[in-house]
N, C-alpha and C. Protein backbone atom coordinates (compact mmCIF):
# COMPACT_ATOMS: atom_id res chain seq x y z
N MET A 1 -138.30 154.48 -184.17
CA MET A 1 -137.08 154.06 -184.83
C MET A 1 -136.07 155.21 -184.80
N ALA A 2 -134.88 154.92 -184.32
CA ALA A 2 -133.85 155.95 -184.20
C ALA A 2 -133.33 156.35 -185.57
N LYS A 3 -133.03 157.61 -185.73
CA LYS A 3 -132.49 158.11 -186.99
C LYS A 3 -131.01 157.75 -187.07
N GLU A 4 -130.58 157.44 -188.27
CA GLU A 4 -129.18 157.07 -188.52
C GLU A 4 -128.38 158.31 -188.88
N LEU A 5 -127.14 158.34 -188.43
CA LEU A 5 -126.23 159.41 -188.81
C LEU A 5 -125.81 159.24 -190.26
N THR A 6 -125.65 160.35 -190.97
CA THR A 6 -125.12 160.28 -192.33
C THR A 6 -123.62 160.00 -192.22
N THR A 7 -122.99 159.72 -193.35
CA THR A 7 -121.55 159.46 -193.37
C THR A 7 -120.79 160.67 -192.85
N LYS A 8 -121.19 161.86 -193.27
CA LYS A 8 -120.51 163.08 -192.83
C LYS A 8 -120.70 163.28 -191.32
N GLN A 9 -121.92 163.01 -190.82
CA GLN A 9 -122.18 163.14 -189.38
C GLN A 9 -121.38 162.12 -188.58
N GLU A 10 -121.28 160.91 -189.11
CA GLU A 10 -120.47 159.85 -188.47
C GLU A 10 -119.01 160.30 -188.37
N THR A 11 -118.50 160.82 -189.49
CA THR A 11 -117.12 161.29 -189.52
C THR A 11 -116.92 162.43 -188.52
N PHE A 12 -117.90 163.34 -188.49
CA PHE A 12 -117.83 164.45 -187.55
C PHE A 12 -117.76 163.94 -186.11
N MET A 13 -118.64 163.02 -185.76
CA MET A 13 -118.68 162.50 -184.38
C MET A 13 -117.39 161.76 -184.04
N THR A 14 -116.84 161.02 -185.00
CA THR A 14 -115.57 160.31 -184.76
C THR A 14 -114.46 161.31 -184.49
N GLN A 15 -114.38 162.35 -185.33
CA GLN A 15 -113.37 163.39 -185.15
C GLN A 15 -113.56 164.13 -183.82
N LEU A 16 -114.81 164.40 -183.49
CA LEU A 16 -115.11 165.11 -182.24
C LEU A 16 -114.66 164.29 -181.04
N ARG A 17 -114.92 163.00 -181.06
CA ARG A 17 -114.50 162.12 -179.96
C ARG A 17 -112.97 162.07 -179.85
N GLU A 18 -112.28 162.12 -180.98
CA GLU A 18 -110.82 162.05 -180.97
C GLU A 18 -110.18 163.39 -180.58
N ARG A 19 -110.75 164.49 -181.07
CA ARG A 19 -110.10 165.80 -180.91
C ARG A 19 -110.73 166.68 -179.83
N GLY A 20 -111.93 166.38 -179.41
CA GLY A 20 -112.57 167.15 -178.36
C GLY A 20 -113.44 168.28 -178.88
N PHE A 21 -114.26 168.81 -177.97
CA PHE A 21 -115.20 169.87 -178.33
C PHE A 21 -114.51 171.16 -178.77
N GLY A 22 -113.30 171.38 -178.31
CA GLY A 22 -112.57 172.59 -178.70
C GLY A 22 -112.28 172.65 -180.18
N ALA A 23 -112.24 171.49 -180.83
CA ALA A 23 -111.93 171.44 -182.26
C ALA A 23 -113.18 171.39 -183.13
N GLN A 24 -114.33 171.57 -182.54
CA GLN A 24 -115.59 171.43 -183.26
C GLN A 24 -115.66 172.30 -184.51
N GLY A 25 -115.37 173.58 -184.39
CA GLY A 25 -115.43 174.49 -185.55
C GLY A 25 -114.46 174.10 -186.63
N GLU A 26 -113.27 173.70 -186.21
CA GLU A 26 -112.25 173.27 -187.17
C GLU A 26 -112.71 172.02 -187.93
N ILE A 27 -113.31 171.09 -187.23
CA ILE A 27 -113.80 169.85 -187.86
C ILE A 27 -114.89 170.18 -188.87
N VAL A 28 -115.80 171.07 -188.50
CA VAL A 28 -116.89 171.47 -189.40
C VAL A 28 -116.32 172.05 -190.69
N ARG A 29 -115.30 172.91 -190.55
CA ARG A 29 -114.69 173.53 -191.74
C ARG A 29 -113.96 172.48 -192.58
N GLU A 30 -113.21 171.60 -191.94
CA GLU A 30 -112.45 170.58 -192.68
C GLU A 30 -113.38 169.65 -193.47
N LEU A 31 -114.52 169.33 -192.87
CA LEU A 31 -115.47 168.43 -193.55
C LEU A 31 -116.39 169.17 -194.51
N ASN A 32 -116.30 170.51 -194.51
CA ASN A 32 -117.21 171.32 -195.30
C ASN A 32 -118.66 170.95 -194.98
N TYR A 33 -118.91 170.83 -193.70
CA TYR A 33 -120.22 170.40 -193.19
C TYR A 33 -121.10 171.65 -193.08
N THR A 34 -121.68 172.05 -194.20
CA THR A 34 -122.42 173.31 -194.28
C THR A 34 -123.73 173.31 -193.50
N SER A 35 -124.31 172.15 -193.28
CA SER A 35 -125.59 172.10 -192.55
C SER A 35 -125.42 171.75 -191.08
N PHE A 36 -124.19 171.84 -190.59
CA PHE A 36 -123.92 171.43 -189.20
C PHE A 36 -124.79 172.18 -188.20
N TYR A 37 -124.81 173.50 -188.28
CA TYR A 37 -125.54 174.29 -187.28
C TYR A 37 -127.04 174.04 -187.34
N ARG A 38 -127.55 173.85 -188.55
CA ARG A 38 -128.97 173.51 -188.69
C ARG A 38 -129.24 172.15 -188.08
N ASP A 39 -128.39 171.17 -188.38
CA ASP A 39 -128.57 169.82 -187.85
C ASP A 39 -128.44 169.80 -186.32
N ARG A 40 -127.51 170.59 -185.81
CA ARG A 40 -127.29 170.62 -184.37
C ARG A 40 -128.47 171.26 -183.64
N LYS A 41 -129.06 172.29 -184.25
CA LYS A 41 -130.18 172.99 -183.62
C LYS A 41 -131.48 172.20 -183.66
N ASN A 42 -131.64 171.33 -184.66
CA ASN A 42 -132.85 170.53 -184.78
C ASN A 42 -132.78 169.39 -183.76
N LYS A 43 -133.49 169.54 -182.65
CA LYS A 43 -133.35 168.60 -181.53
C LYS A 43 -133.74 167.16 -181.89
N ASP A 44 -134.46 166.99 -182.98
CA ASP A 44 -134.87 165.63 -183.39
C ASP A 44 -133.92 165.01 -184.41
N SER A 45 -132.91 165.76 -184.85
CA SER A 45 -132.00 165.21 -185.85
C SER A 45 -131.07 164.18 -185.21
N ALA A 46 -130.57 163.28 -186.03
CA ALA A 46 -129.66 162.23 -185.55
C ALA A 46 -128.40 162.85 -184.95
N LEU A 47 -127.92 163.94 -185.54
CA LEU A 47 -126.71 164.59 -185.03
C LEU A 47 -126.96 165.21 -183.66
N ALA A 48 -128.07 165.91 -183.51
CA ALA A 48 -128.39 166.53 -182.21
C ALA A 48 -128.50 165.46 -181.13
N ILE A 49 -129.12 164.36 -181.44
CA ILE A 49 -129.26 163.26 -180.47
C ILE A 49 -127.90 162.67 -180.13
N ALA A 50 -127.06 162.46 -181.16
CA ALA A 50 -125.72 161.91 -180.93
C ALA A 50 -124.87 162.87 -180.08
N LEU A 51 -124.98 164.17 -180.36
CA LEU A 51 -124.23 165.16 -179.58
C LEU A 51 -124.67 165.18 -178.13
N LYS A 52 -125.98 165.13 -177.90
CA LYS A 52 -126.50 165.13 -176.52
C LYS A 52 -126.04 163.88 -175.77
N GLU A 53 -126.07 162.74 -176.45
CA GLU A 53 -125.60 161.51 -175.82
C GLU A 53 -124.12 161.61 -175.47
N TYR A 54 -123.33 162.16 -176.39
CA TYR A 54 -121.90 162.30 -176.15
C TYR A 54 -121.64 163.29 -175.02
N GLN A 55 -122.37 164.40 -174.99
CA GLN A 55 -122.23 165.37 -173.91
C GLN A 55 -122.56 164.72 -172.57
N ALA A 56 -123.65 163.97 -172.52
CA ALA A 56 -124.04 163.30 -171.27
C ALA A 56 -122.98 162.31 -170.83
N GLU A 57 -122.40 161.62 -171.79
CA GLU A 57 -121.32 160.66 -171.52
C GLU A 57 -120.12 161.37 -170.88
N ILE A 58 -119.73 162.49 -171.46
CA ILE A 58 -118.58 163.24 -170.96
C ILE A 58 -118.86 163.78 -169.56
N VAL A 59 -120.04 164.38 -169.38
CA VAL A 59 -120.39 164.93 -168.08
C VAL A 59 -120.38 163.82 -167.02
N HIS A 60 -120.93 162.68 -167.38
CA HIS A 60 -120.95 161.55 -166.43
C HIS A 60 -119.53 161.10 -166.10
N ASP A 61 -118.70 160.93 -167.12
CA ASP A 61 -117.32 160.49 -166.90
C ASP A 61 -116.55 161.51 -166.05
N LEU A 62 -116.73 162.79 -166.36
CA LEU A 62 -116.00 163.82 -165.63
C LEU A 62 -116.49 163.98 -164.21
N SER A 63 -117.79 163.77 -164.01
CA SER A 63 -118.30 163.91 -162.65
C SER A 63 -117.80 162.78 -161.77
N ASN A 64 -117.43 161.66 -162.37
CA ASN A 64 -116.88 160.54 -161.61
C ASN A 64 -115.38 160.63 -161.45
N ALA A 65 -114.72 161.43 -162.28
CA ALA A 65 -113.27 161.56 -162.22
C ALA A 65 -112.91 162.70 -161.28
N LYS A 66 -112.05 162.42 -160.33
CA LYS A 66 -111.64 163.45 -159.38
C LYS A 66 -110.88 164.55 -160.13
N GLY A 67 -111.25 165.80 -159.86
CA GLY A 67 -110.58 166.92 -160.54
C GLY A 67 -110.86 166.92 -162.02
N GLY A 68 -112.11 166.67 -162.42
CA GLY A 68 -112.47 166.58 -163.83
C GLY A 68 -112.14 167.83 -164.63
N ASN A 69 -112.26 167.72 -165.90
CA ASN A 69 -111.88 168.78 -166.82
C ASN A 69 -112.97 169.85 -166.90
N LEU A 70 -112.80 170.93 -166.16
CA LEU A 70 -113.80 171.99 -166.13
C LEU A 70 -113.93 172.71 -167.46
N ASP A 71 -112.85 172.73 -168.23
CA ASP A 71 -112.90 173.40 -169.54
C ASP A 71 -113.89 172.69 -170.46
N VAL A 72 -113.87 171.38 -170.46
CA VAL A 72 -114.78 170.61 -171.30
C VAL A 72 -116.22 170.84 -170.87
N ILE A 73 -116.46 170.83 -169.56
CA ILE A 73 -117.82 171.03 -169.07
C ILE A 73 -118.28 172.45 -169.39
N SER A 74 -117.37 173.41 -169.32
CA SER A 74 -117.73 174.79 -169.67
C SER A 74 -118.14 174.88 -171.14
N LYS A 75 -117.43 174.18 -172.00
CA LYS A 75 -117.77 174.18 -173.43
C LYS A 75 -119.12 173.51 -173.65
N ILE A 76 -119.38 172.43 -172.93
CA ILE A 76 -120.68 171.77 -173.04
C ILE A 76 -121.78 172.72 -172.60
N ARG A 77 -121.54 173.43 -171.49
CA ARG A 77 -122.52 174.41 -171.01
C ARG A 77 -122.77 175.47 -172.07
N ASP A 78 -121.70 175.99 -172.66
CA ASP A 78 -121.84 177.04 -173.67
C ASP A 78 -122.58 176.55 -174.91
N LEU A 79 -122.26 175.34 -175.35
CA LEU A 79 -122.94 174.77 -176.52
C LEU A 79 -124.43 174.56 -176.23
N ALA A 80 -124.71 174.03 -175.06
CA ALA A 80 -126.11 173.80 -174.69
C ALA A 80 -126.87 175.12 -174.64
N PHE A 81 -126.24 176.15 -174.11
CA PHE A 81 -126.87 177.46 -174.05
C PHE A 81 -127.11 178.02 -175.44
N GLN A 82 -126.12 177.89 -176.33
CA GLN A 82 -126.27 178.36 -177.72
C GLN A 82 -127.41 177.64 -178.42
N ASP A 83 -127.56 176.35 -178.10
CA ASP A 83 -128.62 175.55 -178.74
C ASP A 83 -129.99 175.79 -178.12
N GLY A 84 -130.03 176.59 -177.06
CA GLY A 84 -131.30 176.84 -176.39
C GLY A 84 -131.69 175.71 -175.44
N ASP A 85 -130.76 174.81 -175.16
CA ASP A 85 -131.04 173.71 -174.23
C ASP A 85 -130.65 174.17 -172.83
N PHE A 86 -131.51 174.99 -172.23
CA PHE A 86 -131.18 175.62 -170.96
C PHE A 86 -131.12 174.61 -169.82
N LYS A 87 -131.86 173.55 -169.92
CA LYS A 87 -131.82 172.52 -168.88
C LYS A 87 -130.44 171.87 -168.82
N ALA A 88 -129.88 171.53 -169.98
CA ALA A 88 -128.54 170.94 -170.03
C ALA A 88 -127.48 171.96 -169.62
N ALA A 89 -127.65 173.22 -170.03
CA ALA A 89 -126.70 174.28 -169.66
C ALA A 89 -126.70 174.48 -168.15
N LEU A 90 -127.88 174.46 -167.56
CA LEU A 90 -127.99 174.64 -166.11
C LEU A 90 -127.37 173.45 -165.37
N ALA A 91 -127.57 172.25 -165.90
CA ALA A 91 -126.98 171.05 -165.28
C ALA A 91 -125.45 171.12 -165.33
N ALA A 92 -124.91 171.57 -166.46
CA ALA A 92 -123.45 171.71 -166.58
C ALA A 92 -122.93 172.80 -165.64
N ALA A 93 -123.66 173.91 -165.55
CA ALA A 93 -123.24 175.00 -164.64
C ALA A 93 -123.27 174.52 -163.19
N LYS A 94 -124.28 173.74 -162.84
CA LYS A 94 -124.36 173.20 -161.48
C LYS A 94 -123.18 172.27 -161.20
N LEU A 95 -122.84 171.46 -162.19
CA LEU A 95 -121.71 170.55 -162.03
C LEU A 95 -120.40 171.33 -161.85
N ILE A 96 -120.23 172.39 -162.61
CA ILE A 96 -119.04 173.23 -162.48
C ILE A 96 -118.98 173.83 -161.07
N ASN A 97 -120.10 174.38 -160.61
CA ASN A 97 -120.14 174.96 -159.27
C ASN A 97 -119.83 173.92 -158.20
N ASP A 98 -120.41 172.75 -158.33
CA ASP A 98 -120.16 171.68 -157.35
C ASP A 98 -118.69 171.30 -157.33
N MET A 99 -118.08 171.19 -158.52
CA MET A 99 -116.67 170.78 -158.60
C MET A 99 -115.74 171.84 -158.02
N GLN A 100 -116.15 173.10 -158.08
CA GLN A 100 -115.32 174.17 -157.56
C GLN A 100 -115.64 174.50 -156.10
N GLY A 101 -116.62 173.80 -155.54
CA GLY A 101 -116.96 174.02 -154.14
C GLY A 101 -117.88 175.20 -153.91
N HIS A 102 -118.51 175.70 -154.97
CA HIS A 102 -119.43 176.84 -154.83
C HIS A 102 -120.87 176.35 -154.76
N ASN A 103 -121.09 175.32 -153.99
CA ASN A 103 -122.44 174.79 -153.90
C ASN A 103 -123.04 175.13 -152.55
N ALA A 104 -124.33 175.29 -152.54
CA ALA A 104 -125.05 175.63 -151.31
C ALA A 104 -125.06 174.41 -150.38
N PRO A 105 -125.15 174.67 -149.08
CA PRO A 105 -125.20 173.53 -148.16
C PRO A 105 -126.45 172.68 -148.41
N LYS A 106 -126.33 171.40 -148.15
CA LYS A 106 -127.44 170.49 -148.40
C LYS A 106 -128.54 170.63 -147.35
N ASN A 107 -128.15 170.97 -146.13
CA ASN A 107 -129.16 171.20 -145.10
C ASN A 107 -128.67 172.31 -144.17
N THR A 108 -129.61 172.93 -143.51
CA THR A 108 -129.28 174.01 -142.59
C THR A 108 -129.83 173.67 -141.22
N VAL A 109 -129.24 174.25 -140.20
CA VAL A 109 -129.68 174.03 -138.83
C VAL A 109 -130.14 175.37 -138.27
N GLN A 110 -131.35 175.38 -137.79
CA GLN A 110 -131.90 176.59 -137.20
C GLN A 110 -131.50 176.63 -135.73
N THR A 111 -130.90 177.71 -135.28
CA THR A 111 -130.50 177.83 -133.88
C THR A 111 -131.22 179.01 -133.25
N LYS A 112 -131.59 178.83 -131.99
CA LYS A 112 -132.21 179.92 -131.24
C LYS A 112 -131.46 180.07 -129.93
N ILE A 113 -131.23 181.28 -129.56
CA ILE A 113 -130.61 181.56 -128.27
C ILE A 113 -131.58 182.45 -127.50
N LYS A 114 -131.97 181.95 -126.34
CA LYS A 114 -132.89 182.71 -125.50
C LYS A 114 -132.12 183.13 -124.27
N ILE A 115 -132.10 184.43 -124.02
CA ILE A 115 -131.40 184.96 -122.85
C ILE A 115 -132.42 185.71 -121.99
N ASP A 116 -132.54 185.25 -120.78
CA ASP A 116 -133.40 185.93 -119.82
C ASP A 116 -132.50 186.72 -118.88
N THR A 117 -132.81 187.97 -118.65
CA THR A 117 -132.01 188.78 -117.73
C THR A 117 -132.91 189.40 -116.68
N PHE A 118 -132.31 189.72 -115.57
CA PHE A 118 -133.03 190.38 -114.49
C PHE A 118 -132.12 191.47 -113.93
N VAL A 119 -132.62 192.68 -113.85
CA VAL A 119 -131.88 193.79 -113.27
C VAL A 119 -132.65 194.28 -112.05
N ASP A 120 -132.01 194.17 -110.91
CA ASP A 120 -132.64 194.61 -109.66
C ASP A 120 -132.27 196.06 -109.41
N LEU A 121 -133.19 196.97 -109.70
CA LEU A 121 -132.95 198.40 -109.54
C LEU A 121 -133.20 198.89 -108.12
N SER A 122 -133.65 197.98 -107.26
CA SER A 122 -133.92 198.40 -105.87
C SER A 122 -132.66 198.39 -105.01
N LYS A 123 -131.61 197.73 -105.44
CA LYS A 123 -130.36 197.68 -104.67
C LYS A 123 -129.55 198.95 -104.92
N PRO A 124 -128.85 199.44 -103.91
CA PRO A 124 -128.02 200.63 -104.11
C PRO A 124 -126.76 200.28 -104.91
N VAL A 125 -126.22 201.25 -105.62
CA VAL A 125 -125.00 201.06 -106.40
C VAL A 125 -123.84 200.88 -105.43
N GLN A 126 -122.93 199.92 -105.72
CA GLN A 126 -121.77 199.68 -104.87
C GLN A 126 -120.52 200.20 -105.58
N TYR A 127 -119.60 200.74 -104.75
CA TYR A 127 -118.37 201.31 -105.29
C TYR A 127 -117.18 200.59 -104.68
N ASP A 128 -116.08 200.48 -105.46
CA ASP A 128 -114.85 199.89 -104.94
C ASP A 128 -114.02 200.97 -104.24
N ASP A 129 -112.80 200.62 -103.82
CA ASP A 129 -111.94 201.57 -103.08
C ASP A 129 -111.54 202.78 -103.92
N ASN A 130 -111.53 202.66 -105.25
CA ASN A 130 -111.14 203.77 -106.13
C ASN A 130 -112.34 204.62 -106.55
N GLY A 131 -113.51 204.28 -106.07
CA GLY A 131 -114.70 205.02 -106.43
C GLY A 131 -115.36 204.55 -107.71
N GLU A 132 -114.89 203.42 -108.25
CA GLU A 132 -115.47 202.87 -109.48
C GLU A 132 -116.69 202.01 -109.12
N VAL A 133 -117.66 202.04 -110.02
CA VAL A 133 -118.86 201.23 -109.81
C VAL A 133 -118.50 199.75 -109.96
N ILE A 134 -119.02 198.96 -109.03
CA ILE A 134 -118.80 197.51 -109.09
C ILE A 134 -119.98 196.90 -109.83
N TYR A 135 -119.66 196.21 -110.92
CA TYR A 135 -120.70 195.54 -111.68
C TYR A 135 -120.63 194.05 -111.41
N ASP A 136 -121.76 193.46 -111.16
CA ASP A 136 -121.81 192.00 -111.04
C ASP A 136 -121.98 191.45 -112.44
N THR A 137 -121.06 190.60 -112.85
CA THR A 137 -121.15 190.00 -114.17
C THR A 137 -121.20 188.49 -114.06
N ILE A 138 -121.81 187.88 -115.02
CA ILE A 138 -121.93 186.44 -115.08
C ILE A 138 -121.44 185.99 -116.45
N ASP A 139 -120.55 185.02 -116.48
CA ASP A 139 -120.13 184.46 -117.74
C ASP A 139 -121.22 183.53 -118.26
N ILE A 140 -121.53 183.69 -119.51
CA ILE A 140 -122.59 182.88 -120.13
C ILE A 140 -121.94 182.00 -121.17
N THR A 141 -122.23 180.72 -121.13
CA THR A 141 -121.75 179.79 -122.14
C THR A 141 -122.93 179.06 -122.74
N ALA A 142 -122.77 178.62 -123.97
CA ALA A 142 -123.85 177.90 -124.64
C ALA A 142 -123.86 176.46 -124.19
N ASP A 143 -125.05 175.94 -123.93
CA ASP A 143 -125.20 174.53 -123.59
C ASP A 143 -125.21 173.72 -124.86
N GLU A 144 -124.44 172.67 -124.91
CA GLU A 144 -124.43 171.77 -126.06
C GLU A 144 -125.52 170.73 -125.85
N ASP A 145 -126.51 170.73 -126.71
CA ASP A 145 -127.58 169.73 -126.59
C ASP A 145 -127.34 168.57 -127.49
């Protein structure tokens, strides 16, 4: 059976949804919500569950919105880290990196180049009209397979 939010927690969540995560501290002070940090840290509390659901909602919405709000995701990452929820913090950090293009390639291609050479030392050195050594050179290009 899911735990119910108290009236103060309901009010907090309503205000949070309206004003955003940046106003969290201000909302806590305005409501005189003295047990907020304890409730938030207790992962089984109704508030902690509601906050996690709201964070997941925001992350999902922002990941679907082009050019999402990185500031909000950064705050979610920071809150998750403060709460010791490293899995959620890592997920938010990964999302930030992906949105900024700092993500590792999904697959890599291994390439090998094999060059066989042969130097015939039995032939005498040839010189041009200026006395410079004539080198035989071959242009090498890669075959596209």
